[in-house]
Amino acid sequence: MTIKAETPEDISRLFVERANTGDVDGLVELYEPDAVLAYPPGTTSVGHDAIRAVFATMLERVPRFELEDALPTIHHGDLALTSTAAKDGTGGRVQIVRRQADGGWRRVIDRPEQSS
């Protein structure tokens, strides 16, 4: 069984850990089944199948990920807005996450890069 995100902030750490081990399925588990990923920039990928395809391609091109500094999380009930300051100059990364029935958290909307 894969470790779930116990807090909204856990998702970024788990993302980096799973990406650095090439765990595409583990990355997809961080997202709700109908989640929206705004990547590649200027496009959207909706749902697990589309997100899986994006991550499979991404992991072939990006050799290593680094954990970035988290900005303050904003909570509203079972929703939270998380963000990090991008180290690669692509702008801030922003996600909306939702608490699940099991108490874990998953991404609903993810904008990992700001498009120009």
PDB file of N, CA and C in Angstrom:
ATOM      1  N   MET A   1       0.843  -1.186   0.000  1.00  0.00           N
ATOM      2  CA  MET A   1       0.000   0.000   0.000  1.00  0.00           C
ATOM      3  C   MET A   1       0.888   1.249   0.000  1.00  0.00           C
ATOM      4  N   THR A   2       0.519   2.195  -0.815  1.00  0.00           N
ATOM      5  CA  THR A   2       1.275   3.429  -0.929  1.00  0.00           C
ATOM      6  C   THR A   2       0.923   4.369   0.218  1.00  0.00           C
ATOM      7  N   ILE A   3       1.907   5.087   0.694  1.00  0.00           N
ATOM      8  CA  ILE A   3       1.699   6.065   1.768  1.00  0.00           C
ATOM      9  C   ILE A   3       0.859   7.206   1.228  1.00  0.00           C
ATOM     10  N   LYS A   4      -0.176   7.593   1.985  1.00  0.00           N
ATOM     11  CA  LYS A   4      -1.028   8.713   1.569  1.00  0.00           C
ATOM     12  C   LYS A   4      -0.515  10.006   2.193  1.00  0.00           C
ATOM     13  N   ALA A   5      -0.942  11.105   1.609  1.00  0.00           N
ATOM     14  CA  ALA A   5      -0.603  12.422   2.139  1.00  0.00           C
ATOM     15  C   ALA A   5      -1.478  12.680   3.358  1.00  0.00           C
ATOM     16  N   GLU A   6      -0.867  12.808   4.518  1.00  0.00           N
ATOM     17  CA  GLU A   6      -1.604  13.057   5.759  1.00  0.00           C
ATOM     18  C   GLU A   6      -1.985  14.523   5.922  1.00  0.00           C
ATOM     19  N   THR A   7      -1.250  15.409   5.249  1.00  0.00           N
ATOM     20  CA  THR A   7      -1.527  16.847   5.278  1.00  0.00           C
ATOM     21  C   THR A   7      -1.416  17.364   3.842  1.00  0.00           C
ATOM     22  N   PRO A   8      -2.003  18.513   3.551  1.00  0.00           N
ATOM     23  CA  PRO A   8      -1.843  19.069   2.199  1.00  0.00           C
ATOM     24  C   PRO A   8      -0.371  19.255   1.819  1.00  0.00           C
ATOM     25  N   GLU A   9       0.441  19.648   2.768  1.00  0.00           N
ATOM     26  CA  GLU A   9       1.858  19.901   2.498  1.00  0.00           C
ATOM     27  C   GLU A   9       2.638  18.626   2.181  1.00  0.00           C
ATOM     28  N   ASP A  10       2.152  17.476   2.630  1.00  0.00           N
ATOM     29  CA  ASP A  10       2.822  16.203   2.336  1.00  0.00           C
ATOM     30  C   ASP A  10       2.879  15.898   0.849  1.00  0.00           C
ATOM     31  N   ILE A  11       1.921  16.406   0.097  1.00  0.00           N
ATOM     32  CA  ILE A  11       1.828  16.024  -1.312  1.00  0.00           C
ATOM     33  C   ILE A  11       3.077  16.433  -2.083  1.00  0.00           C
ATOM     34  N   SER A  12       3.590  17.620  -1.858  1.00  0.00           N
ATOM     35  CA  SER A  12       4.794  18.053  -2.583  1.00  0.00           C
ATOM     36  C   SER A  12       5.976  17.144  -2.277  1.00  0.00           C
ATOM     37  N   ARG A  13       6.158  16.808  -1.012  1.00  0.00           N
ATOM     38  CA  ARG A  13       7.257  15.910  -0.637  1.00  0.00           C
ATOM     39  C   ARG A  13       7.089  14.544  -1.286  1.00  0.00           C
ATOM     40  N   LEU A  14       5.878  13.991  -1.214  1.00  0.00           N
ATOM     41  CA  LEU A  14       5.620  12.681  -1.808  1.00  0.00           C
ATOM     42  C   LEU A  14       5.801  12.723  -3.327  1.00  0.00           C
ATOM     43  N   PHE A  15       5.407  13.833  -3.943  1.00  0.00           N
ATOM     44  CA  PHE A  15       5.589  13.971  -5.385  1.00  0.00           C
ATOM     45  C   PHE A  15       7.069  13.866  -5.744  1.00  0.00           C
ATOM     46  N   VAL A  16       7.914  14.619  -5.051  1.00  0.00           N
ATOM     47  CA  VAL A  16       9.353  14.602  -5.340  1.00  0.00           C
ATOM     48  C   VAL A  16       9.938  13.213  -5.092  1.00  0.00           C
ATOM     49  N   GLU A  17       9.585  12.589  -3.980  1.00  0.00           N
ATOM     50  CA  GLU A  17      10.093  11.249  -3.677  1.00  0.00           C
ATOM     51  C   GLU A  17       9.707  10.253  -4.763  1.00  0.00           C
ATOM     52  N   ARG A  18       8.452  10.264  -5.173  1.00  0.00           N
ATOM     53  CA  ARG A  18       7.974   9.306  -6.179  1.00  0.00           C
ATOM     54  C   ARG A  18       8.541   9.608  -7.558  1.00  0.00           C
ATOM     55  N   ALA A  19       8.644  10.878  -7.903  1.00  0.00           N
ATOM     56  CA  ALA A  19       9.222  11.238  -9.200  1.00  0.00           C
ATOM     57  C   ALA A  19      10.681  10.792  -9.273  1.00  0.00           C
ATOM     58  N   ASN A  20      11.424  10.965  -8.194  1.00  0.00           N
ATOM     59  CA  ASN A  20      12.840  10.618  -8.194  1.00  0.00           C
ATOM     60  C   ASN A  20      13.091   9.114  -8.209  1.00  0.00           C
ATOM     61  N   THR A  21      12.055   8.316  -7.934  1.00  0.00           N
ATOM     62  CA  THR A  21      12.195   6.858  -8.062  1.00  0.00           C
ATOM     63  C   THR A  21      11.498   6.342  -9.317  1.00  0.00           C
ATOM     64  N   GLY A  22      10.966   7.257 -10.141  1.00  0.00           N
ATOM     65  CA  GLY A  22      10.301   6.855 -11.372  1.00  0.00           C
ATOM     66  C   GLY A  22       8.943   6.207 -11.178  1.00  0.00           C
ATOM     67  N   ASP A  23       8.288   6.467 -10.060  1.00  0.00           N
ATOM     68  CA  ASP A  23       7.013   5.830  -9.708  1.00  0.00           C
ATOM     69  C   ASP A  23       5.833   6.607 -10.298  1.00  0.00           C
ATOM     70  N   VAL A  24       5.542   6.372 -11.575  1.00  0.00           N
ATOM     71  CA  VAL A  24       4.456   7.078 -12.255  1.00  0.00           C
ATOM     72  C   VAL A  24       3.123   6.791 -11.581  1.00  0.00           C
ATOM     73  N   ASP A  25       2.839   5.527 -11.270  1.00  0.00           N
ATOM     74  CA  ASP A  25       1.569   5.188 -10.627  1.00  0.00           C
ATOM     75  C   ASP A  25       1.449   5.850  -9.260  1.00  0.00           C
ATOM     76  N   GLY A  26       2.544   5.940  -8.529  1.00  0.00           N
ATOM     77  CA  GLY A  26       2.537   6.624  -7.240  1.00  0.00           C
ATOM     78  C   GLY A  26       2.240   8.110  -7.384  1.00  0.00           C
ATOM     79  N   LEU A  27       2.739   8.723  -8.452  1.00  0.00           N
ATOM     80  CA  LEU A  27       2.432  10.130  -8.716  1.00  0.00           C
ATOM     81  C   LEU A  27       0.940  10.300  -9.008  1.00  0.00           C
ATOM     82  N   VAL A  28       0.393   9.423  -9.828  1.00  0.00           N
ATOM     83  CA  VAL A  28      -1.023   9.508 -10.194  1.00  0.00           C
ATOM     84  C   VAL A  28      -1.911   9.349  -8.965  1.00  0.00           C
ATOM     85  N   GLU A  29      -1.494   8.535  -8.002  1.00  0.00           N
ATOM     86  CA  GLU A  29      -2.277   8.336  -6.778  1.00  0.00           C
ATOM     87  C   GLU A  29      -2.412   9.615  -5.952  1.00  0.00           C
ATOM     88  N   LEU A  30      -1.579  10.602  -6.206  1.00  0.00           N
ATOM     89  CA  LEU A  30      -1.666  11.867  -5.486  1.00  0.00           C
ATOM     90  C   LEU A  30      -2.798  12.755  -6.006  1.00  0.00           C
ATOM     91  N   TYR A  31      -3.472  12.309  -7.056  1.00  0.00           N
ATOM     92  CA  TYR A  31      -4.523  13.077  -7.714  1.00  0.00           C
ATOM     93  C   TYR A  31      -5.873  12.359  -7.622  1.00  0.00           C
ATOM     94  N   GLU A  32      -6.947  13.150  -7.512  1.00  0.00           N
ATOM     95  CA  GLU A  32      -8.287  12.581  -7.599  1.00  0.00           C
ATOM     96  C   GLU A  32      -8.487  12.034  -9.013  1.00  0.00           C
ATOM     97  N   PRO A  33      -9.386  11.065  -9.182  1.00  0.00           N
ATOM     98  CA  PRO A  33      -9.571  10.442 -10.509  1.00  0.00           C
ATOM     99  C   PRO A  33      -9.910  11.410 -11.634  1.00  0.00           C
ATOM    100  N   ASP A  34     -10.597  12.505 -11.343  1.00  0.00           N
ATOM    101  CA  ASP A  34     -10.960  13.468 -12.389  1.00  0.00           C
ATOM    102  C   ASP A  34     -10.200  14.788 -12.244  1.00  0.00           C
ATOM    103  N   ALA A  35      -9.037  14.733 -11.625  1.00  0.00           N
ATOM    104  CA  ALA A  35      -8.228  15.932 -11.392  1.00  0.00           C
ATOM    105  C   ALA A  35      -7.815  16.581 -12.713  1.00  0.00           C
ATOM    106  N   VAL A  36      -7.486  17.873 -12.610  1.00  0.00           N
ATOM    107  CA  VAL A  36      -7.031  18.649 -13.756  1.00  0.00           C
ATOM    108  C   VAL A  36      -5.581  19.073 -13.509  1.00  0.00           C
ATOM    109  N   LEU A  37      -4.726  18.740 -14.444  1.00  0.00           N
ATOM    110  CA  LEU A  37      -3.314  19.115 -14.409  1.00  0.00           C
ATOM    111  C   LEU A  37      -3.077  20.090 -15.555  1.00  0.00           C
ATOM    112  N   ALA A  38      -2.683  21.316 -15.239  1.00  0.00           N
ATOM    113  CA  ALA A  38      -2.410  22.327 -16.265  1.00  0.00           C
ATOM    114  C   ALA A  38      -0.977  22.161 -16.744  1.00  0.00           C
ATOM    115  N   TYR A  39      -0.750  21.098 -17.483  1.00  0.00           N
ATOM    116  CA  TYR A  39       0.589  20.801 -17.995  1.00  0.00           C
ATOM    117  C   TYR A  39       0.450  19.845 -19.165  1.00  0.00           C
ATOM    118  N   PRO A  40       1.221  19.995 -20.196  1.00  0.00           N
ATOM    119  CA  PRO A  40       2.201  21.027 -20.460  1.00  0.00           C
ATOM    120  C   PRO A  40       1.578  22.429 -20.457  1.00  0.00           C
ATOM    121  N   PRO A  41       2.423  23.463 -20.232  1.00  0.00           N
ATOM    122  CA  PRO A  41       1.904  24.829 -20.152  1.00  0.00           C
ATOM    123  C   PRO A  41       0.998  25.167 -21.334  1.00  0.00           C
ATOM    124  N   GLY A  42      -0.130  25.786 -21.001  1.00  0.00           N
ATOM    125  CA  GLY A  42      -1.085  26.168 -22.023  1.00  0.00           C
ATOM    126  C   GLY A  42      -2.096  25.087 -22.369  1.00  0.00           C
ATOM    127  N   THR A  43      -1.980  23.919 -21.747  1.00  0.00           N
ATOM    128  CA  THR A  43      -2.913  22.822 -21.992  1.00  0.00           C
ATOM    129  C   THR A  43      -3.418  22.285 -20.656  1.00  0.00           C
ATOM    130  N   THR A  44      -4.417  21.428 -20.710  1.00  0.00           N
ATOM    131  CA  THR A  44      -4.878  20.745 -19.505  1.00  0.00           C
ATOM    132  C   THR A  44      -4.935  19.250 -19.776  1.00  0.00           C
ATOM    133  N   SER A  45      -4.609  18.491 -18.764  1.00  0.00           N
ATOM    134  CA  SER A  45      -4.704  17.035 -18.791  1.00  0.00           C
ATOM    135  C   SER A  45      -5.696  16.664 -17.700  1.00  0.00           C
ATOM    136  N   VAL A  46      -6.764  15.970 -18.071  1.00  0.00           N
ATOM    137  CA  VAL A  46      -7.844  15.682 -17.134  1.00  0.00           C
ATOM    138  C   VAL A  46      -7.958  14.178 -16.911  1.00  0.00           C
ATOM    139  N   GLY A  47      -7.952  13.784 -15.641  1.00  0.00           N
ATOM    140  CA  GLY A  47      -8.154  12.391 -15.271  1.00  0.00           C
ATOM    141  C   GLY A  47      -6.861  11.598 -15.192  1.00  0.00           C
ATOM    142  N   HIS A  48      -6.948  10.467 -14.513  1.00  0.00           N
ATOM    143  CA  HIS A  48      -5.773   9.639 -14.253  1.00  0.00           C
ATOM    144  C   HIS A  48      -5.042   9.202 -15.517  1.00  0.00           C
ATOM    145  N   ASP A  49      -5.757   8.786 -16.555  1.00  0.00           N
ATOM    146  CA  ASP A  49      -5.071   8.308 -17.759  1.00  0.00           C
ATOM    147  C   ASP A  49      -4.243   9.409 -18.404  1.00  0.00           C
ATOM    148  N   ALA A  50      -4.823  10.588 -18.533  1.00  0.00           N
ATOM    149  CA  ALA A  50      -4.097  11.708 -19.148  1.00  0.00           C
ATOM    150  C   ALA A  50      -2.927  12.147 -18.271  1.00  0.00           C
ATOM    151  N   ILE A  51      -3.145  12.185 -16.975  1.00  0.00           N
ATOM    152  CA  ILE A  51      -2.082  12.589 -16.047  1.00  0.00           C
ATOM    153  C   ILE A  51      -0.961  11.557 -16.049  1.00  0.00           C
ATOM    154  N   ARG A  52      -1.304  10.287 -16.097  1.00  0.00           N
ATOM    155  CA  ARG A  52      -0.290   9.230 -16.162  1.00  0.00           C
ATOM    156  C   ARG A  52       0.585   9.403 -17.410  1.00  0.00           C
ATOM    157  N   ALA A  53      -0.026   9.688 -18.551  1.00  0.00           N
ATOM    158  CA  ALA A  53       0.734   9.865 -19.792  1.00  0.00           C
ATOM    159  C   ALA A  53       1.684  11.061 -19.682  1.00  0.00           C
ATOM    160  N   VAL A  54       1.221  12.156 -19.094  1.00  0.00           N
ATOM    161  CA  VAL A  54       2.077  13.336 -18.913  1.00  0.00           C
ATOM    162  C   VAL A  54       3.271  12.991 -18.035  1.00  0.00           C
ATOM    163  N   PHE A  55       3.028  12.311 -16.921  1.00  0.00           N
ATOM    164  CA  PHE A  55       4.120  12.002 -16.004  1.00  0.00           C
ATOM    165  C   PHE A  55       5.095  10.988 -16.590  1.00  0.00           C
ATOM    166  N   ALA A  56       4.605  10.029 -17.352  1.00  0.00           N
ATOM    167  CA  ALA A  56       5.507   9.052 -17.979  1.00  0.00           C
ATOM    168  C   ALA A  56       6.481   9.777 -18.906  1.00  0.00           C
ATOM    169  N   THR A  57       5.979  10.713 -19.693  1.00  0.00           N
ATOM    170  CA  THR A  57       6.834  11.496 -20.590  1.00  0.00           C
ATOM    171  C   THR A  57       7.761  12.405 -19.790  1.00  0.00           C
ATOM    172  N   MET A  58       7.219  13.064 -18.776  1.00  0.00           N
ATOM    173  CA  MET A  58       7.998  13.995 -17.969  1.00  0.00           C
ATOM    174  C   MET A  58       9.188  13.288 -17.304  1.00  0.00           C
ATOM    175  N   LEU A  59       8.961  12.101 -16.764  1.00  0.00           N
ATOM    176  CA  LEU A  59      10.044  11.400 -16.069  1.00  0.00           C
ATOM    177  C   LEU A  59      11.142  10.930 -17.014  1.00  0.00           C
ATOM    178  N   GLU A  60      10.816  10.774 -18.295  1.00  0.00           N
ATOM    179  CA  GLU A  60      11.847  10.439 -19.280  1.00  0.00           C
ATOM    180  C   GLU A  60      12.761  11.636 -19.541  1.00  0.00           C
ATOM    181  N   ARG A  61      12.233  12.855 -19.359  1.00  0.00           N
ATOM    182  CA  ARG A  61      12.969  14.073 -19.707  1.00  0.00           C
ATOM    183  C   ARG A  61      13.641  14.759 -18.524  1.00  0.00           C
ATOM    184  N   VAL A  62      13.070  14.599 -17.333  1.00  0.00           N
ATOM    185  CA  VAL A  62      13.592  15.294 -16.156  1.00  0.00           C
ATOM    186  C   VAL A  62      14.264  14.252 -15.253  1.00  0.00           C
ATOM    187  N   PRO A  63      15.568  14.326 -15.095  1.00  0.00           N
ATOM    188  CA  PRO A  63      16.285  13.300 -14.350  1.00  0.00           C
ATOM    189  C   PRO A  63      16.074  13.342 -12.831  1.00  0.00           C
ATOM    190  N   ARG A  64      15.866  14.515 -12.271  1.00  0.00           N
ATOM    191  CA  ARG A  64      15.781  14.632 -10.816  1.00  0.00           C
ATOM    192  C   ARG A  64      14.958  15.858 -10.435  1.00  0.00           C
ATOM    193  N   PHE A  65      14.172  15.706  -9.380  1.00  0.00           N
ATOM    194  CA  PHE A  65      13.368  16.799  -8.851  1.00  0.00           C
ATOM    195  C   PHE A  65      13.901  17.189  -7.484  1.00  0.00           C
ATOM    196  N   GLU A  66      13.736  18.462  -7.134  1.00  0.00           N
ATOM    197  CA  GLU A  66      14.124  18.957  -5.815  1.00  0.00           C
ATOM    198  C   GLU A  66      12.883  19.462  -5.096  1.00  0.00           C
ATOM    199  N   LEU A  67      12.853  19.255  -3.797  1.00  0.00           N
ATOM    200  CA  LEU A  67      11.766  19.796  -2.997  1.00  0.00           C
ATOM    201  C   LEU A  67      11.933  21.304  -2.922  1.00  0.00           C
ATOM    202  N   GLU A  68      10.868  22.029  -3.195  1.00  0.00           N
ATOM    203  CA  GLU A  68      10.911  23.487  -3.202  1.00  0.00           C
ATOM    204  C   GLU A  68      10.291  24.033  -1.917  1.00  0.00           C
ATOM    205  N   ASP A  69      10.630  25.263  -1.606  1.00  0.00           N
ATOM    206  CA  ASP A  69      10.108  25.898  -0.400  1.00  0.00           C
ATOM    207  C   ASP A  69       8.606  26.106  -0.517  1.00  0.00           C
ATOM    208  N   ALA A  70       7.892  25.633   0.499  1.00  0.00           N
ATOM    209  CA  ALA A  70       6.434  25.779   0.522  1.00  0.00           C
ATOM    210  C   ALA A  70       6.047  27.177   0.974  1.00  0.00           C
ATOM    211  N   LEU A  71       5.024  27.706   0.335  1.00  0.00           N
ATOM    212  CA  LEU A  71       4.417  28.952   0.772  1.00  0.00           C
ATOM    213  C   LEU A  71       3.278  28.585   1.719  1.00  0.00           C
ATOM    214  N   PRO A  72       2.766  29.517   2.515  1.00  0.00           N
ATOM    215  CA  PRO A  72       1.722  29.164   3.478  1.00  0.00           C
ATOM    216  C   PRO A  72       0.486  28.540   2.806  1.00  0.00           C
ATOM    217  N   THR A  73      -0.018  27.482   3.416  1.00  0.00           N
ATOM    218  CA  THR A  73      -1.221  26.801   2.934  1.00  0.00           C
ATOM    219  C   THR A  73      -2.449  27.544   3.437  1.00  0.00           C
ATOM    220  N   ILE A  74      -3.442  27.649   2.576  1.00  0.00           N
ATOM    221  CA  ILE A  74      -4.714  28.270   2.937  1.00  0.00           C
ATOM    222  C   ILE A  74      -5.765  27.174   2.992  1.00  0.00           C
ATOM    223  N   HIS A  75      -6.467  27.052   4.130  1.00  0.00           N
ATOM    224  CA  HIS A  75      -7.476  26.005   4.326  1.00  0.00           C
ATOM    225  C   HIS A  75      -8.886  26.578   4.290  1.00  0.00           C
ATOM    226  N   HIS A  76      -9.797  25.788   3.758  1.00  0.00           N
ATOM    227  CA  HIS A  76     -11.224  26.081   3.810  1.00  0.00           C
ATOM    228  C   HIS A  76     -11.940  24.733   3.872  1.00  0.00           C
ATOM    229  N   GLY A  77     -12.277  24.303   5.091  1.00  0.00           N
ATOM    230  CA  GLY A  77     -12.929  23.004   5.250  1.00  0.00           C
ATOM    231  C   GLY A  77     -12.049  21.882   4.730  1.00  0.00           C
ATOM    232  N   ASP A  78     -12.590  21.094   3.800  1.00  0.00           N
ATOM    233  CA  ASP A  78     -11.853  19.966   3.235  1.00  0.00           C
ATOM    234  C   ASP A  78     -11.032  20.334   2.008  1.00  0.00           C
ATOM    235  N   LEU A  79     -10.936  21.620   1.718  1.00  0.00           N
ATOM    236  CA  LEU A  79     -10.114  22.094   0.605  1.00  0.00           C
ATOM    237  C   LEU A  79      -8.923  22.871   1.154  1.00  0.00           C
ATOM    238  N   ALA A  80      -7.835  22.841   0.397  1.00  0.00           N
ATOM    239  CA  ALA A  80      -6.673  23.645   0.761  1.00  0.00           C
ATOM    240  C   ALA A  80      -5.975  24.095  -0.521  1.00  0.00           C
ATOM    241  N   LEU A  81      -5.385  25.274  -0.451  1.00  0.00           N
ATOM    242  CA  LEU A  81      -4.588  25.813  -1.544  1.00  0.00           C
ATOM    243  C   LEU A  81      -3.132  25.725  -1.100  1.00  0.00           C
ATOM    244  N   THR A  82      -2.338  24.971  -1.847  1.00  0.00           N
ATOM    245  CA  THR A  82      -0.920  24.844  -1.545  1.00  0.00           C
ATOM    246  C   THR A  82      -0.126  25.464  -2.692  1.00  0.00           C
ATOM    247  N   SER A  83       1.094  25.878  -2.379  1.00  0.00           N
ATOM    248  CA  SER A  83       1.940  26.453  -3.420  1.00  0.00           C
ATOM    249  C   SER A  83       3.395  26.388  -2.988  1.00  0.00           C
ATOM    250  N   THR A  84       4.260  26.437  -3.983  1.00  0.00           N
ATOM    251  CA  THR A  84       5.694  26.477  -3.726  1.00  0.00           C
ATOM    252  C   THR A  84       6.320  27.524  -4.637  1.00  0.00           C
ATOM    253  N   ALA A  85       7.455  28.026  -4.223  1.00  0.00           N
ATOM    254  CA  ALA A  85       8.232  28.945  -5.041  1.00  0.00           C
ATOM    255  C   ALA A  85       9.135  28.111  -5.938  1.00  0.00           C
ATOM    256  N   ALA A  86       8.929  28.187  -7.229  1.00  0.00           N
ATOM    257  CA  ALA A  86       9.690  27.373  -8.182  1.00  0.00           C
ATOM    258  C   ALA A  86      11.154  27.789  -8.221  1.00  0.00           C
ATOM    259  N   LYS A  87      12.038  26.815  -8.122  1.00  0.00           N
ATOM    260  CA  LYS A  87      13.476  27.084  -8.197  1.00  0.00           C
ATOM    261  C   LYS A  87      13.967  27.236  -9.636  1.00  0.00           C
ATOM    262  N   ASP A  88      13.141  26.789 -10.594  1.00  0.00           N
ATOM    263  CA  ASP A  88      13.584  26.793 -11.983  1.00  0.00           C
ATOM    264  C   ASP A  88      13.132  28.019 -12.774  1.00  0.00           C
ATOM    265  N   GLY A  89      12.575  29.017 -12.080  1.00  0.00           N
ATOM    266  CA  GLY A  89      12.201  30.253 -12.745  1.00  0.00           C
ATOM    267  C   GLY A  89      10.920  30.188 -13.558  1.00  0.00           C
ATOM    268  N   THR A  90      10.113  29.137 -13.371  1.00  0.00           N
ATOM    269  CA  THR A  90       8.877  29.000 -14.144  1.00  0.00           C
ATOM    270  C   THR A  90       7.688  29.647 -13.450  1.00  0.00           C
ATOM    271  N   GLY A  91       7.917  30.384 -12.378  1.00  0.00           N
ATOM    272  CA  GLY A  91       6.817  30.993 -11.631  1.00  0.00           C
ATOM    273  C   GLY A  91       6.391  30.090 -10.494  1.00  0.00           C
ATOM    274  N   GLY A  92       5.406  30.524  -9.754  1.00  0.00           N
ATOM    275  CA  GLY A  92       4.947  29.719  -8.632  1.00  0.00           C
ATOM    276  C   GLY A  92       4.153  28.511  -9.073  1.00  0.00           C
ATOM    277  N   ARG A  93       4.198  27.486  -8.262  1.00  0.00           N
ATOM    278  CA  ARG A  93       3.415  26.279  -8.496  1.00  0.00           C
ATOM    279  C   ARG A  93       2.234  26.330  -7.526  1.00  0.00           C
ATOM    280  N   VAL A  94       1.043  26.015  -8.011  1.00  0.00           N
ATOM    281  CA  VAL A  94      -0.168  26.161  -7.207  1.00  0.00           C
ATOM    282  C   VAL A  94      -1.033  24.918  -7.366  1.00  0.00           C
ATOM    283  N   GLN A  95      -1.590  24.437  -6.237  1.00  0.00           N
ATOM    284  CA  GLN A  95      -2.466  23.282  -6.267  1.00  0.00           C
ATOM    285  C   GLN A  95      -3.650  23.483  -5.330  1.00  0.00           C
ATOM    286  N   ILE A  96      -4.792  22.937  -5.733  1.00  0.00           N
ATOM    287  CA  ILE A  96      -5.936  22.816  -4.831  1.00  0.00           C
ATOM    288  C   ILE A  96      -6.027  21.343  -4.486  1.00  0.00           C
ATOM    289  N   VAL A  97      -6.086  21.063  -3.189  1.00  0.00           N
ATOM    290  CA  VAL A  97      -6.150  19.681  -2.713  1.00  0.00           C
ATOM    291  C   VAL A  97      -7.409  19.498  -1.873  1.00  0.00           C
ATOM    292  N   ARG A  98      -7.864  18.239  -1.794  1.00  0.00           N
ATOM    293  CA  ARG A  98      -9.085  17.956  -1.036  1.00  0.00           C
ATOM    294  C   ARG A  98      -8.832  16.785  -0.085  1.00  0.00           C
ATOM    295  N   ARG A  99      -9.370  16.942   1.138  1.00  0.00           N
ATOM    296  CA  ARG A  99      -9.303  15.849   2.108  1.00  0.00           C
ATOM    297  C   ARG A  99     -10.222  14.728   1.619  1.00  0.00           C
ATOM    298  N   GLN A 100      -9.723  13.507   1.674  1.00  0.00           N
ATOM    299  CA  GLN A 100     -10.464  12.334   1.221  1.00  0.00           C
ATOM    300  C   GLN A 100     -11.199  11.682   2.398  1.00  0.00           C
ATOM    301  N   ALA A 101     -12.080  10.751   2.098  1.00  0.00           N
ATOM    302  CA  ALA A 101     -12.857  10.061   3.130  1.00  0.00           C
ATOM    303  C   ALA A 101     -11.958   9.328   4.124  1.00  0.00           C
ATOM    304  N   ASP A 102     -10.772   8.878   3.660  1.00  0.00           N
ATOM    305  CA  ASP A 102      -9.853   8.162   4.551  1.00  0.00           C
ATOM    306  C   ASP A 102      -8.955   9.104   5.357  1.00  0.00           C
ATOM    307  N   GLY A 103      -9.167  10.430   5.211  1.00  0.00           N
ATOM    308  CA  GLY A 103      -8.371  11.407   5.941  1.00  0.00           C
ATOM    309  C   GLY A 103      -7.154  11.903   5.188  1.00  0.00           C
ATOM    310  N   GLY A 104      -6.780  11.224   4.110  1.00  0.00           N
ATOM    311  CA  GLY A 104      -5.642  11.659   3.302  1.00  0.00           C
ATOM    312  C   GLY A 104      -6.035  12.819   2.404  1.00  0.00           C
ATOM    313  N   TRP A 105      -5.058  13.343   1.685  1.00  0.00           N
ATOM    314  CA  TRP A 105      -5.269  14.483   0.791  1.00  0.00           C
ATOM    315  C   TRP A 105      -4.825  14.115  -0.610  1.00  0.00           C
ATOM    316  N   ARG A 106      -5.552  14.638  -1.624  1.00  0.00           N
ATOM    317  CA  ARG A 106      -5.187  14.432  -3.026  1.00  0.00           C
ATOM    318  C   ARG A 106      -5.397  15.738  -3.787  1.00  0.00           C
ATOM    319  N   ARG A 107      -4.644  15.892  -4.854  1.00  0.00           N
ATOM    320  CA  ARG A 107      -4.775  17.083  -5.688  1.00  0.00           C
ATOM    321  C   ARG A 107      -6.026  17.004  -6.555  1.00  0.00           C
ATOM    322  N   VAL A 108      -6.682  18.162  -6.692  1.00  0.00           N
ATOM    323  CA  VAL A 108      -7.857  18.304  -7.539  1.00  0.00           C
ATOM    324  C   VAL A 108      -7.492  19.122  -8.772  1.00  0.00           C
ATOM    325  N   ILE A 109      -6.752  20.199  -8.544  1.00  0.00           N
ATOM    326  CA  ILE A 109      -6.269  21.067  -9.619  1.00  0.00           C
ATOM    327  C   ILE A 109      -4.792  21.334  -9.349  1.00  0.00           C
ATOM    328  N   ASP A 110      -3.980  21.222 -10.397  1.00  0.00           N
ATOM    329  CA  ASP A 110      -2.548  21.425 -10.252  1.00  0.00           C
ATOM    330  C   ASP A 110      -2.041  22.267 -11.416  1.00  0.00           C
ATOM    331  N   ARG A 111      -1.421  23.394 -11.078  1.00  0.00           N
ATOM    332  CA  ARG A 111      -0.746  24.213 -12.089  1.00  0.00           C
ATOM    333  C   ARG A 111       0.731  24.245 -11.703  1.00  0.00           C
ATOM    334  N   PRO A 112       1.531  23.314 -12.241  1.00  0.00           N
ATOM    335  CA  PRO A 112       2.931  23.223 -11.825  1.00  0.00           C
ATOM    336  C   PRO A 112       3.836  24.291 -12.420  1.00  0.00           C
ATOM    337  N   GLU A 113       3.409  24.971 -13.453  1.00  0.00           N
ATOM    338  CA  GLU A 113       4.200  26.036 -14.048  1.00  0.00           C
ATOM    339  C   GLU A 113       3.275  27.144 -14.488  1.00  0.00           C
ATOM    340  N   GLN A 114       3.764  28.345 -14.403  1.00  0.00           N
ATOM    341  CA  GLN A 114       3.005  29.478 -14.909  1.00  0.00           C
ATOM    342  C   GLN A 114       3.353  29.642 -16.374  1.00  0.00           C
ATOM    343  N   SER A 115       2.349  29.585 -17.247  1.00  0.00           N
ATOM    344  CA  SER A 115       2.646  29.745 -18.674  1.00  0.00           C
ATOM    345  C   SER A 115       2.853  31.229 -18.977  1.00  0.00           C
ATOM    346  N   SER A 116       3.708  31.474 -19.940  1.00  0.00           N
ATOM    347  CA  SER A 116       4.034  32.871 -20.314  1.00  0.00           C
ATOM    348  C   SER A 116       3.015  33.429 -21.261  1.00  0.00           C
TER     349      SER A 116
END
